[in-house]
């Protein structure tokens, strides 16, 4: 059995990798020589895969935000329960003055919650970098697939829901616009 490098070198030489804008399909390679496009069907599958990766990225970004919101709601419920349990002051006390002063309670994520947050962040960060590496091949089809995936992902995974408080005396923050366009640069 020949384990020579003739076939390996032939495959490497067949890869079309260009750091300039290109529209290569056949013999284009992505991330590794084993991901070499050998026919149009493989290129279509690659483009669909890239779209799905970007949709997954948007899903992971949303998952991270939702998990953080869940933790905050748990903290708020706990703080509300603690404030209800606190002993009320007598009628001669300055209870009216105490309620006028804003009060804050600090909570910290538990180690398990922080591990989950870290895993979600690492998966998001890693996937974002893989997508960035795919874009660095400057293949027009791949870049268009990234844009399509970003649009579909935003539509499916980041549907805007805003809670508007009426008669808000605290001057709370209003709805914000687009937060960040990428995970790595935001």
N, C-alpha and C. Protein backbone atom coordinates (compact mmCIF):
# COMPACT_ATOMS: atom_id res chain seq x y z
N UNK A 1 0.85 -1.16 0.00
CA UNK A 1 0.00 0.00 0.00
C UNK A 1 0.89 1.23 0.00
N UNK A 2 0.72 2.09 -0.95
CA UNK A 2 1.56 3.27 -1.10
C UNK A 2 0.99 4.42 -0.29
N UNK A 3 1.76 4.91 0.66
CA UNK A 3 1.36 6.08 1.46
C UNK A 3 2.15 7.30 1.03
N UNK A 4 2.54 7.32 -0.20
CA UNK A 4 3.32 8.43 -0.70
C UNK A 4 2.50 9.71 -0.74
N UNK A 5 3.15 10.79 -1.01
CA UNK A 5 2.48 12.08 -0.99
C UNK A 5 2.02 12.53 -2.37
N UNK A 6 2.06 11.65 -3.35
CA UNK A 6 1.65 12.06 -4.70
C UNK A 6 0.18 12.45 -4.72
N UNK A 7 -0.69 11.63 -4.15
CA UNK A 7 -2.11 11.97 -4.19
C UNK A 7 -2.40 13.18 -3.31
N UNK A 8 -1.70 13.30 -2.16
CA UNK A 8 -1.92 14.45 -1.30
C UNK A 8 -1.47 15.74 -1.97
N UNK A 9 -0.33 15.68 -2.62
CA UNK A 9 0.17 16.88 -3.29
C UNK A 9 -0.72 17.23 -4.46
N UNK A 10 -1.26 16.24 -5.13
CA UNK A 10 -2.17 16.51 -6.25
C UNK A 10 -3.43 17.21 -5.78
N UNK A 11 -3.96 16.79 -4.62
CA UNK A 11 -5.16 17.44 -4.09
C UNK A 11 -4.85 18.85 -3.64
N UNK A 12 -3.70 19.06 -2.98
CA UNK A 12 -3.35 20.39 -2.54
C UNK A 12 -3.14 21.32 -3.72
N UNK A 13 -2.51 20.81 -4.77
CA UNK A 13 -2.26 21.65 -5.94
C UNK A 13 -3.56 21.98 -6.66
N UNK A 14 -4.57 21.14 -6.53
CA UNK A 14 -5.83 21.37 -7.21
C UNK A 14 -6.69 22.41 -6.51
N UNK A 15 -6.37 22.75 -5.27
CA UNK A 15 -7.16 23.74 -4.53
C UNK A 15 -6.94 25.13 -5.11
N UNK A 16 -8.04 25.82 -5.35
CA UNK A 16 -7.96 27.22 -5.78
C UNK A 16 -8.26 28.08 -4.56
N UNK A 17 -7.23 28.69 -4.04
CA UNK A 17 -7.36 29.60 -2.91
C UNK A 17 -6.79 30.93 -3.35
N UNK A 18 -7.57 31.97 -3.19
CA UNK A 18 -7.15 33.28 -3.65
C UNK A 18 -7.56 34.30 -2.59
N UNK A 19 -6.66 35.20 -2.25
CA UNK A 19 -6.96 36.24 -1.28
C UNK A 19 -7.53 37.48 -1.94
N UNK A 20 -7.93 37.35 -3.18
CA UNK A 20 -8.62 38.42 -3.89
C UNK A 20 -10.03 37.96 -4.20
N UNK A 21 -10.91 38.89 -4.45
CA UNK A 21 -12.30 38.55 -4.76
C UNK A 21 -12.33 37.53 -5.88
N UNK A 22 -13.12 36.45 -5.67
CA UNK A 22 -13.19 35.41 -6.68
C UNK A 22 -14.57 34.77 -6.67
N UNK A 23 -14.86 34.05 -7.74
CA UNK A 23 -16.12 33.33 -7.88
C UNK A 23 -15.85 31.85 -8.13
N UNK A 24 -14.74 31.33 -7.59
CA UNK A 24 -14.38 29.94 -7.82
C UNK A 24 -15.46 29.01 -7.25
N UNK A 25 -15.74 27.96 -8.01
CA UNK A 25 -16.63 26.91 -7.49
C UNK A 25 -15.87 25.59 -7.49
N UNK A 26 -15.58 25.06 -8.66
CA UNK A 26 -14.87 23.79 -8.76
C UNK A 26 -13.43 23.98 -8.30
N UNK A 27 -12.96 23.08 -7.45
CA UNK A 27 -11.61 23.07 -6.88
C UNK A 27 -11.35 24.18 -5.87
N UNK A 28 -12.39 24.89 -5.43
CA UNK A 28 -12.21 25.85 -4.34
C UNK A 28 -12.09 25.05 -3.04
N UNK A 29 -11.21 25.48 -2.16
CA UNK A 29 -11.02 24.82 -0.88
C UNK A 29 -11.32 25.82 0.24
N UNK A 30 -11.91 25.31 1.31
CA UNK A 30 -12.26 26.15 2.45
C UNK A 30 -11.77 25.51 3.73
N UNK A 31 -11.01 26.26 4.49
CA UNK A 31 -10.46 25.89 5.80
C UNK A 31 -9.45 24.75 5.77
N UNK A 32 -9.59 23.80 4.88
CA UNK A 32 -8.67 22.67 4.80
C UNK A 32 -8.72 22.09 3.39
N UNK A 33 -7.67 21.39 3.00
CA UNK A 33 -7.65 20.80 1.66
C UNK A 33 -8.69 19.69 1.52
N UNK A 34 -9.11 19.12 2.63
CA UNK A 34 -10.14 18.07 2.53
C UNK A 34 -11.52 18.65 2.25
N UNK A 35 -11.70 19.97 2.42
CA UNK A 35 -12.97 20.62 2.08
C UNK A 35 -12.80 21.25 0.69
N UNK A 36 -12.61 20.40 -0.29
CA UNK A 36 -12.40 20.84 -1.67
C UNK A 36 -13.68 20.59 -2.45
N UNK A 37 -14.13 21.61 -3.12
CA UNK A 37 -15.36 21.54 -3.91
C UNK A 37 -15.03 20.83 -5.22
N UNK A 38 -15.71 19.72 -5.45
CA UNK A 38 -15.43 18.94 -6.65
C UNK A 38 -16.53 19.03 -7.71
N UNK A 39 -17.70 19.55 -7.32
CA UNK A 39 -18.79 19.72 -8.30
C UNK A 39 -19.73 20.83 -7.82
N UNK A 40 -20.67 21.19 -8.66
CA UNK A 40 -21.59 22.28 -8.33
C UNK A 40 -22.45 21.94 -7.11
N UNK A 41 -22.83 20.68 -6.98
CA UNK A 41 -23.64 20.26 -5.83
C UNK A 41 -22.93 20.49 -4.51
N UNK A 42 -21.63 20.22 -4.48
CA UNK A 42 -20.85 20.45 -3.26
C UNK A 42 -20.79 21.95 -2.94
N UNK A 43 -20.73 22.79 -3.98
CA UNK A 43 -20.70 24.23 -3.73
C UNK A 43 -22.05 24.71 -3.20
N UNK A 44 -23.13 24.18 -3.74
CA UNK A 44 -24.46 24.54 -3.24
C UNK A 44 -24.60 24.09 -1.78
N UNK A 45 -24.15 22.88 -1.48
CA UNK A 45 -24.21 22.37 -0.11
C UNK A 45 -23.36 23.22 0.83
N UNK A 46 -22.20 23.66 0.36
CA UNK A 46 -21.34 24.52 1.16
C UNK A 46 -22.03 25.84 1.45
N UNK A 47 -22.65 26.44 0.43
CA UNK A 47 -23.36 27.71 0.62
C UNK A 47 -24.52 27.55 1.60
N UNK A 48 -25.27 26.47 1.46
CA UNK A 48 -26.37 26.21 2.40
C UNK A 48 -25.82 26.01 3.80
N UNK A 49 -24.72 25.28 3.92
CA UNK A 49 -24.09 25.07 5.22
C UNK A 49 -23.64 26.38 5.85
N UNK A 50 -23.08 27.27 5.05
CA UNK A 50 -22.63 28.57 5.56
C UNK A 50 -23.84 29.38 6.03
N UNK A 51 -24.92 29.36 5.26
CA UNK A 51 -26.14 30.06 5.68
C UNK A 51 -26.61 29.52 7.03
N UNK A 52 -26.64 28.20 7.17
CA UNK A 52 -27.08 27.59 8.42
C UNK A 52 -26.13 27.92 9.58
N UNK A 53 -24.82 28.01 9.31
CA UNK A 53 -23.87 28.38 10.37
C UNK A 53 -24.16 29.79 10.88
N UNK A 54 -24.46 30.71 9.96
CA UNK A 54 -24.73 32.08 10.37
C UNK A 54 -26.06 32.16 11.12
N UNK A 55 -27.06 31.38 10.69
CA UNK A 55 -28.32 31.33 11.43
C UNK A 55 -28.06 30.78 12.84
N UNK A 56 -27.23 29.76 12.95
CA UNK A 56 -26.87 29.21 14.27
C UNK A 56 -26.16 30.25 15.11
N UNK A 57 -25.32 31.06 14.49
CA UNK A 57 -24.63 32.13 15.22
C UNK A 57 -25.65 33.10 15.80
N UNK A 58 -26.63 33.50 14.99
CA UNK A 58 -27.66 34.40 15.49
C UNK A 58 -28.48 33.75 16.59
N UNK A 59 -28.71 32.44 16.47
CA UNK A 59 -29.43 31.71 17.52
C UNK A 59 -28.63 31.72 18.82
N UNK A 60 -27.33 31.47 18.73
CA UNK A 60 -26.50 31.47 19.93
C UNK A 60 -26.44 32.86 20.57
N UNK A 61 -26.38 33.89 19.75
CA UNK A 61 -26.40 35.26 20.28
C UNK A 61 -27.70 35.51 21.03
N UNK A 62 -28.81 35.09 20.46
CA UNK A 62 -30.11 35.27 21.11
C UNK A 62 -30.19 34.42 22.38
N UNK A 63 -29.67 33.20 22.32
CA UNK A 63 -29.68 32.32 23.48
C UNK A 63 -28.93 32.97 24.64
N UNK A 64 -27.79 33.56 24.36
CA UNK A 64 -27.02 34.25 25.39
C UNK A 64 -27.80 35.39 26.02
N UNK A 65 -28.45 36.19 25.18
CA UNK A 65 -29.24 37.31 25.70
C UNK A 65 -30.42 36.80 26.53
N UNK A 66 -31.10 35.78 26.05
CA UNK A 66 -32.25 35.23 26.77
C UNK A 66 -31.83 34.61 28.10
N UNK A 67 -30.68 33.95 28.11
CA UNK A 67 -30.22 33.35 29.36
C UNK A 67 -29.88 34.43 30.38
N UNK A 68 -29.22 35.50 29.92
CA UNK A 68 -28.93 36.61 30.83
C UNK A 68 -30.22 37.24 31.36
N UNK A 69 -31.22 37.38 30.50
CA UNK A 69 -32.51 37.93 30.92
C UNK A 69 -33.18 37.01 31.94
N UNK A 70 -33.08 35.70 31.73
CA UNK A 70 -33.64 34.74 32.68
C UNK A 70 -32.98 34.89 34.05
N UNK A 71 -31.68 35.01 34.07
CA UNK A 71 -30.96 35.18 35.34
C UNK A 71 -31.40 36.48 36.02
N UNK A 72 -31.55 37.56 35.24
CA UNK A 72 -31.98 38.83 35.81
C UNK A 72 -33.39 38.73 36.40
N UNK A 73 -34.28 38.03 35.70
CA UNK A 73 -35.64 37.85 36.22
C UNK A 73 -35.61 37.05 37.53
N UNK A 74 -34.75 36.04 37.60
CA UNK A 74 -34.62 35.27 38.84
C UNK A 74 -34.13 36.17 39.97
N UNK A 75 -33.16 37.03 39.70
CA UNK A 75 -32.66 37.96 40.70
C UNK A 75 -33.78 38.91 41.15
N UNK A 76 -34.55 39.42 40.17
CA UNK A 76 -35.63 40.35 40.51
C UNK A 76 -36.70 39.69 41.36
N UNK A 77 -37.05 38.45 41.04
CA UNK A 77 -38.04 37.72 41.85
C UNK A 77 -37.51 37.51 43.26
N UNK A 78 -36.25 37.14 43.36
CA UNK A 78 -35.64 36.92 44.67
C UNK A 78 -35.62 38.22 45.48
N UNK A 79 -35.26 39.32 44.83
CA UNK A 79 -35.22 40.61 45.52
C UNK A 79 -36.62 41.04 45.94
N UNK A 80 -37.61 40.82 45.09
CA UNK A 80 -38.99 41.17 45.43
C UNK A 80 -39.47 40.34 46.61
N UNK A 81 -39.13 39.05 46.61
CA UNK A 81 -39.53 38.18 47.72
C UNK A 81 -38.85 38.63 49.01
N UNK A 82 -37.59 39.03 48.94
CA UNK A 82 -36.87 39.48 50.13
C UNK A 82 -37.44 40.80 50.65
N UNK A 83 -37.86 41.70 49.76
CA UNK A 83 -38.39 42.98 50.20
C UNK A 83 -39.76 42.81 50.85
N UNK A 84 -40.53 41.81 50.41
CA UNK A 84 -41.82 41.54 51.02
C UNK A 84 -41.62 40.94 52.41
N UNK A 85 -40.58 40.11 52.58
CA UNK A 85 -40.30 39.47 53.86
C UNK A 85 -39.71 40.42 54.88
N UNK A 86 -39.13 41.54 54.44
CA UNK A 86 -38.46 42.44 55.38
C UNK A 86 -39.48 43.05 56.33
N UNK A 87 -39.12 43.23 57.59
CA UNK A 87 -40.08 43.75 58.56
C UNK A 87 -40.45 45.19 58.25
N UNK A 88 -41.72 45.48 58.39
CA UNK A 88 -42.18 46.85 58.13
C UNK A 88 -41.87 47.71 59.36
N UNK A 89 -41.67 48.94 59.11
CA UNK A 89 -41.33 49.86 60.18
C UNK A 89 -42.62 50.41 60.81
N UNK A 90 -42.51 50.88 61.99
CA UNK A 90 -43.67 51.41 62.70
C UNK A 90 -44.17 52.70 62.09
N UNK A 91 -45.35 53.17 62.56
CA UNK A 91 -45.94 54.38 61.98
C UNK A 91 -45.14 55.64 62.28
N UNK A 92 -44.33 55.62 63.31
CA UNK A 92 -43.55 56.82 63.65
C UNK A 92 -42.22 56.87 62.92
N UNK A 93 -41.92 55.85 62.16
CA UNK A 93 -40.62 55.80 61.48
C UNK A 93 -40.65 56.63 60.21
N UNK A 94 -39.53 56.68 59.57
CA UNK A 94 -39.40 57.44 58.33
C UNK A 94 -39.60 56.53 57.13
N UNK A 95 -40.61 55.69 57.15
CA UNK A 95 -40.83 54.74 56.07
C UNK A 95 -41.05 55.45 54.74
N UNK A 96 -41.71 56.57 54.78
CA UNK A 96 -41.95 57.32 53.54
C UNK A 96 -40.66 57.80 52.93
N UNK A 97 -39.72 58.19 53.77
CA UNK A 97 -38.43 58.64 53.27
C UNK A 97 -37.62 57.50 52.69
N UNK A 98 -37.73 56.32 53.29
CA UNK A 98 -36.97 55.19 52.79
C UNK A 98 -37.44 54.73 51.42
N UNK A 99 -38.73 54.81 51.17
CA UNK A 99 -39.22 54.37 49.86
C UNK A 99 -38.90 55.37 48.77
N UNK A 100 -38.67 56.62 49.14
CA UNK A 100 -38.37 57.62 48.13
C UNK A 100 -36.93 57.49 47.62
N UNK A 101 -36.07 56.94 48.45
CA UNK A 101 -34.67 56.78 48.07
C UNK A 101 -34.53 55.49 47.27
N UNK A 102 -33.93 55.55 46.08
CA UNK A 102 -33.75 54.31 45.30
C UNK A 102 -32.87 53.33 46.05
N UNK A 103 -33.29 52.08 46.05
CA UNK A 103 -32.53 51.06 46.72
C UNK A 103 -32.04 50.06 45.68
N UNK A 104 -30.89 49.50 45.94
CA UNK A 104 -30.33 48.52 45.00
C UNK A 104 -29.81 47.32 45.78
N UNK A 105 -29.95 46.17 45.19
CA UNK A 105 -29.42 44.94 45.74
C UNK A 105 -28.52 44.34 44.69
N UNK A 106 -27.34 43.95 45.09
CA UNK A 106 -26.39 43.36 44.14
C UNK A 106 -26.49 41.84 44.20
N UNK A 107 -26.56 41.23 43.04
CA UNK A 107 -26.54 39.78 42.91
C UNK A 107 -25.42 39.40 41.98
N UNK A 108 -24.93 38.23 42.17
CA UNK A 108 -23.86 37.71 41.31
C UNK A 108 -24.30 36.35 40.79
N UNK A 109 -24.00 36.08 39.53
CA UNK A 109 -24.37 34.79 38.94
C UNK A 109 -23.68 33.68 39.73
N UNK A 110 -24.39 32.58 39.86
CA UNK A 110 -23.80 31.42 40.55
C UNK A 110 -22.71 30.83 39.65
N UNK A 111 -21.84 30.00 40.20
CA UNK A 111 -20.81 29.38 39.37
C UNK A 111 -21.40 28.58 38.20
N UNK A 112 -22.50 27.85 38.43
CA UNK A 112 -23.13 27.10 37.34
C UNK A 112 -23.68 28.04 36.27
N UNK A 113 -24.34 29.11 36.69
CA UNK A 113 -24.85 30.07 35.72
C UNK A 113 -23.72 30.70 34.92
N UNK A 114 -22.62 31.01 35.59
CA UNK A 114 -21.49 31.61 34.89
C UNK A 114 -20.84 30.63 33.93
N UNK A 115 -20.79 29.34 34.29
CA UNK A 115 -20.25 28.33 33.39
C UNK A 115 -21.13 28.24 32.15
N UNK A 116 -22.44 28.22 32.32
CA UNK A 116 -23.36 28.16 31.18
C UNK A 116 -23.19 29.40 30.30
N UNK A 117 -23.10 30.57 30.91
CA UNK A 117 -22.88 31.80 30.15
C UNK A 117 -21.57 31.72 29.36
N UNK A 118 -20.52 31.18 30.00
CA UNK A 118 -19.21 31.07 29.35
C UNK A 118 -19.25 30.09 28.17
N UNK A 119 -19.96 28.98 28.33
CA UNK A 119 -20.08 28.01 27.24
C UNK A 119 -20.81 28.61 26.05
N UNK A 120 -21.91 29.31 26.33
CA UNK A 120 -22.66 29.96 25.24
C UNK A 120 -21.77 30.99 24.55
N UNK A 121 -21.03 31.76 25.33
CA UNK A 121 -20.14 32.78 24.75
C UNK A 121 -19.04 32.14 23.91
N UNK A 122 -18.42 31.08 24.43
CA UNK A 122 -17.33 30.41 23.70
C UNK A 122 -17.85 29.82 22.38
N UNK A 123 -19.03 29.20 22.41
CA UNK A 123 -19.60 28.64 21.18
C UNK A 123 -19.91 29.75 20.18
N UNK A 124 -20.46 30.85 20.67
CA UNK A 124 -20.76 31.99 19.79
C UNK A 124 -19.48 32.56 19.20
N UNK A 125 -18.50 32.77 20.05
CA UNK A 125 -17.22 33.34 19.63
C UNK A 125 -16.53 32.43 18.61
N UNK A 126 -16.49 31.13 18.89
CA UNK A 126 -15.85 30.18 17.98
C UNK A 126 -16.52 30.13 16.63
N UNK A 127 -17.85 30.06 16.63
CA UNK A 127 -18.58 30.02 15.37
C UNK A 127 -18.40 31.31 14.58
N UNK A 128 -18.37 32.44 15.28
CA UNK A 128 -18.15 33.73 14.60
C UNK A 128 -16.78 33.74 13.91
N UNK A 129 -15.77 33.19 14.55
CA UNK A 129 -14.44 33.16 13.94
C UNK A 129 -14.38 32.20 12.76
N UNK A 130 -15.07 31.08 12.84
CA UNK A 130 -15.10 30.17 11.69
C UNK A 130 -15.76 30.87 10.50
N UNK A 131 -16.84 31.59 10.75
CA UNK A 131 -17.51 32.33 9.68
C UNK A 131 -16.59 33.41 9.13
N UNK A 132 -15.86 34.08 10.02
CA UNK A 132 -14.90 35.09 9.56
C UNK A 132 -13.82 34.47 8.67
N UNK A 133 -13.33 33.30 9.06
CA UNK A 133 -12.32 32.63 8.24
C UNK A 133 -12.90 32.24 6.88
N UNK A 134 -14.16 31.84 6.86
CA UNK A 134 -14.80 31.53 5.57
C UNK A 134 -14.88 32.78 4.70
N UNK A 135 -15.19 33.91 5.30
CA UNK A 135 -15.28 35.16 4.53
C UNK A 135 -13.92 35.58 3.99
N UNK A 136 -12.84 35.20 4.69
CA UNK A 136 -11.50 35.61 4.26
C UNK A 136 -11.04 34.90 2.99
N UNK A 137 -11.80 33.95 2.50
CA UNK A 137 -11.49 33.34 1.22
C UNK A 137 -11.94 34.23 0.07
N UNK A 138 -12.67 35.28 0.37
CA UNK A 138 -13.12 36.28 -0.60
C UNK A 138 -13.90 35.65 -1.75
N UNK A 139 -14.56 34.54 -1.47
CA UNK A 139 -15.39 33.89 -2.48
C UNK A 139 -16.75 34.57 -2.45
N UNK A 140 -17.16 35.09 -3.59
CA UNK A 140 -18.42 35.82 -3.68
C UNK A 140 -19.62 35.02 -3.23
N UNK A 141 -19.66 33.75 -3.57
CA UNK A 141 -20.80 32.90 -3.18
C UNK A 141 -20.86 32.71 -1.66
N UNK A 142 -19.71 32.55 -1.06
CA UNK A 142 -19.65 32.36 0.40
C UNK A 142 -20.04 33.65 1.10
N UNK A 143 -19.55 34.78 0.64
CA UNK A 143 -19.88 36.06 1.27
C UNK A 143 -21.37 36.36 1.12
N UNK A 144 -21.93 36.11 -0.04
CA UNK A 144 -23.37 36.29 -0.22
C UNK A 144 -24.14 35.35 0.71
N UNK A 145 -23.66 34.14 0.86
CA UNK A 145 -24.31 33.19 1.77
C UNK A 145 -24.26 33.68 3.22
N UNK A 146 -23.16 34.31 3.61
CA UNK A 146 -23.05 34.87 4.95
C UNK A 146 -24.09 35.97 5.13
N UNK A 147 -24.24 36.84 4.15
CA UNK A 147 -25.24 37.91 4.24
C UNK A 147 -26.65 37.36 4.31
N UNK A 148 -26.93 36.36 3.49
CA UNK A 148 -28.26 35.73 3.51
C UNK A 148 -28.51 35.10 4.88
N UNK A 149 -27.54 34.37 5.39
CA UNK A 149 -27.67 33.75 6.70
C UNK A 149 -27.89 34.77 7.81
N UNK A 150 -27.20 35.91 7.72
CA UNK A 150 -27.37 36.96 8.73
C UNK A 150 -28.80 37.51 8.68
N UNK A 151 -29.31 37.71 7.49
CA UNK A 151 -30.68 38.22 7.36
C UNK A 151 -31.71 37.22 7.87
N UNK A 152 -31.57 35.97 7.45
CA UNK A 152 -32.50 34.93 7.90
C UNK A 152 -32.38 34.73 9.41
N UNK A 153 -31.16 34.72 9.91
CA UNK A 153 -30.94 34.54 11.35
C UNK A 153 -31.54 35.66 12.17
N UNK A 154 -31.38 36.88 11.71
CA UNK A 154 -31.97 38.03 12.42
C UNK A 154 -33.49 37.91 12.41
N UNK A 155 -34.05 37.54 11.26
CA UNK A 155 -35.50 37.41 11.14
C UNK A 155 -36.04 36.32 12.06
N UNK A 156 -35.38 35.16 12.07
CA UNK A 156 -35.89 34.02 12.84
C UNK A 156 -35.56 34.09 14.33
N UNK A 157 -34.37 34.57 14.65
CA UNK A 157 -33.87 34.42 16.02
C UNK A 157 -33.89 35.69 16.85
N UNK A 158 -34.12 36.81 16.26
CA UNK A 158 -34.02 38.06 17.02
C UNK A 158 -35.22 38.95 16.73
N UNK A 159 -36.40 38.35 16.88
CA UNK A 159 -37.63 39.12 16.66
C UNK A 159 -37.72 40.16 17.76
N UNK A 160 -37.91 41.41 17.38
CA UNK A 160 -37.88 42.49 18.36
C UNK A 160 -39.17 42.54 19.17
N UNK A 161 -39.02 42.47 20.47
CA UNK A 161 -40.12 42.64 21.42
C UNK A 161 -39.64 43.66 22.43
N UNK A 162 -40.39 44.74 22.60
CA UNK A 162 -40.00 45.80 23.51
C UNK A 162 -41.09 46.00 24.55
N UNK A 163 -40.69 46.02 25.80
CA UNK A 163 -41.62 46.31 26.88
C UNK A 163 -41.56 47.81 27.13
N UNK A 164 -42.67 48.50 26.95
CA UNK A 164 -42.73 49.94 27.16
C UNK A 164 -43.49 50.18 28.45
N UNK A 165 -42.84 50.83 29.39
CA UNK A 165 -43.47 51.15 30.66
C UNK A 165 -44.17 52.49 30.54
N UNK A 166 -45.45 52.49 30.84
CA UNK A 166 -46.22 53.73 30.83
C UNK A 166 -46.18 54.34 32.22
N UNK A 167 -46.17 55.66 32.28
CA UNK A 167 -46.10 56.37 33.56
C UNK A 167 -44.88 55.96 34.35
N UNK A 168 -43.77 55.81 33.66
CA UNK A 168 -42.53 55.41 34.31
C UNK A 168 -41.91 56.64 34.96
N UNK A 169 -41.89 56.66 36.27
CA UNK A 169 -41.35 57.81 37.00
C UNK A 169 -39.85 57.73 37.17
N UNK A 170 -39.28 56.58 36.93
CA UNK A 170 -37.84 56.41 37.13
C UNK A 170 -37.03 56.87 35.93
N UNK A 171 -37.67 57.25 34.84
CA UNK A 171 -36.94 57.68 33.65
C UNK A 171 -36.14 56.55 33.06
N UNK A 172 -36.74 55.36 32.95
CA UNK A 172 -36.04 54.19 32.45
C UNK A 172 -35.57 54.35 31.02
N UNK A 173 -34.65 53.51 30.66
CA UNK A 173 -34.12 53.56 29.30
C UNK A 173 -35.19 53.15 28.31
N UNK A 174 -35.21 53.80 27.20
CA UNK A 174 -36.13 53.44 26.14
C UNK A 174 -35.55 52.33 25.30
N UNK A 175 -36.24 52.01 24.24
CA UNK A 175 -35.77 50.96 23.34
C UNK A 175 -34.49 51.42 22.65
N UNK A 176 -33.58 50.51 22.47
CA UNK A 176 -32.33 50.83 21.81
C UNK A 176 -32.34 50.28 20.40
N UNK A 177 -31.48 50.79 19.57
CA UNK A 177 -31.41 50.35 18.18
C UNK A 177 -30.56 49.11 18.04
N UNK A 178 -29.91 48.97 16.91
CA UNK A 178 -29.06 47.82 16.66
C UNK A 178 -27.92 47.86 17.66
N UNK A 179 -27.70 46.73 18.33
CA UNK A 179 -26.70 46.71 19.39
C UNK A 179 -25.30 46.55 18.82
N UNK A 180 -24.99 45.41 18.30
CA UNK A 180 -23.68 45.20 17.72
C UNK A 180 -23.84 44.33 16.49
N UNK A 181 -22.98 44.54 15.51
CA UNK A 181 -23.12 43.78 14.28
C UNK A 181 -22.37 42.48 14.34
N UNK A 182 -21.31 42.42 15.13
CA UNK A 182 -20.56 41.18 15.25
C UNK A 182 -20.26 40.90 16.71
N UNK A 183 -20.05 39.66 16.99
CA UNK A 183 -19.74 39.27 18.35
C UNK A 183 -18.33 39.70 18.73
N UNK A 184 -17.40 39.57 17.82
CA UNK A 184 -16.01 39.79 18.16
C UNK A 184 -15.67 41.28 18.24
N UNK A 185 -16.42 42.13 17.61
CA UNK A 185 -16.07 43.55 17.55
C UNK A 185 -16.96 44.42 18.39
N UNK A 186 -17.98 43.86 19.03
CA UNK A 186 -18.96 44.68 19.77
C UNK A 186 -18.58 44.93 21.18
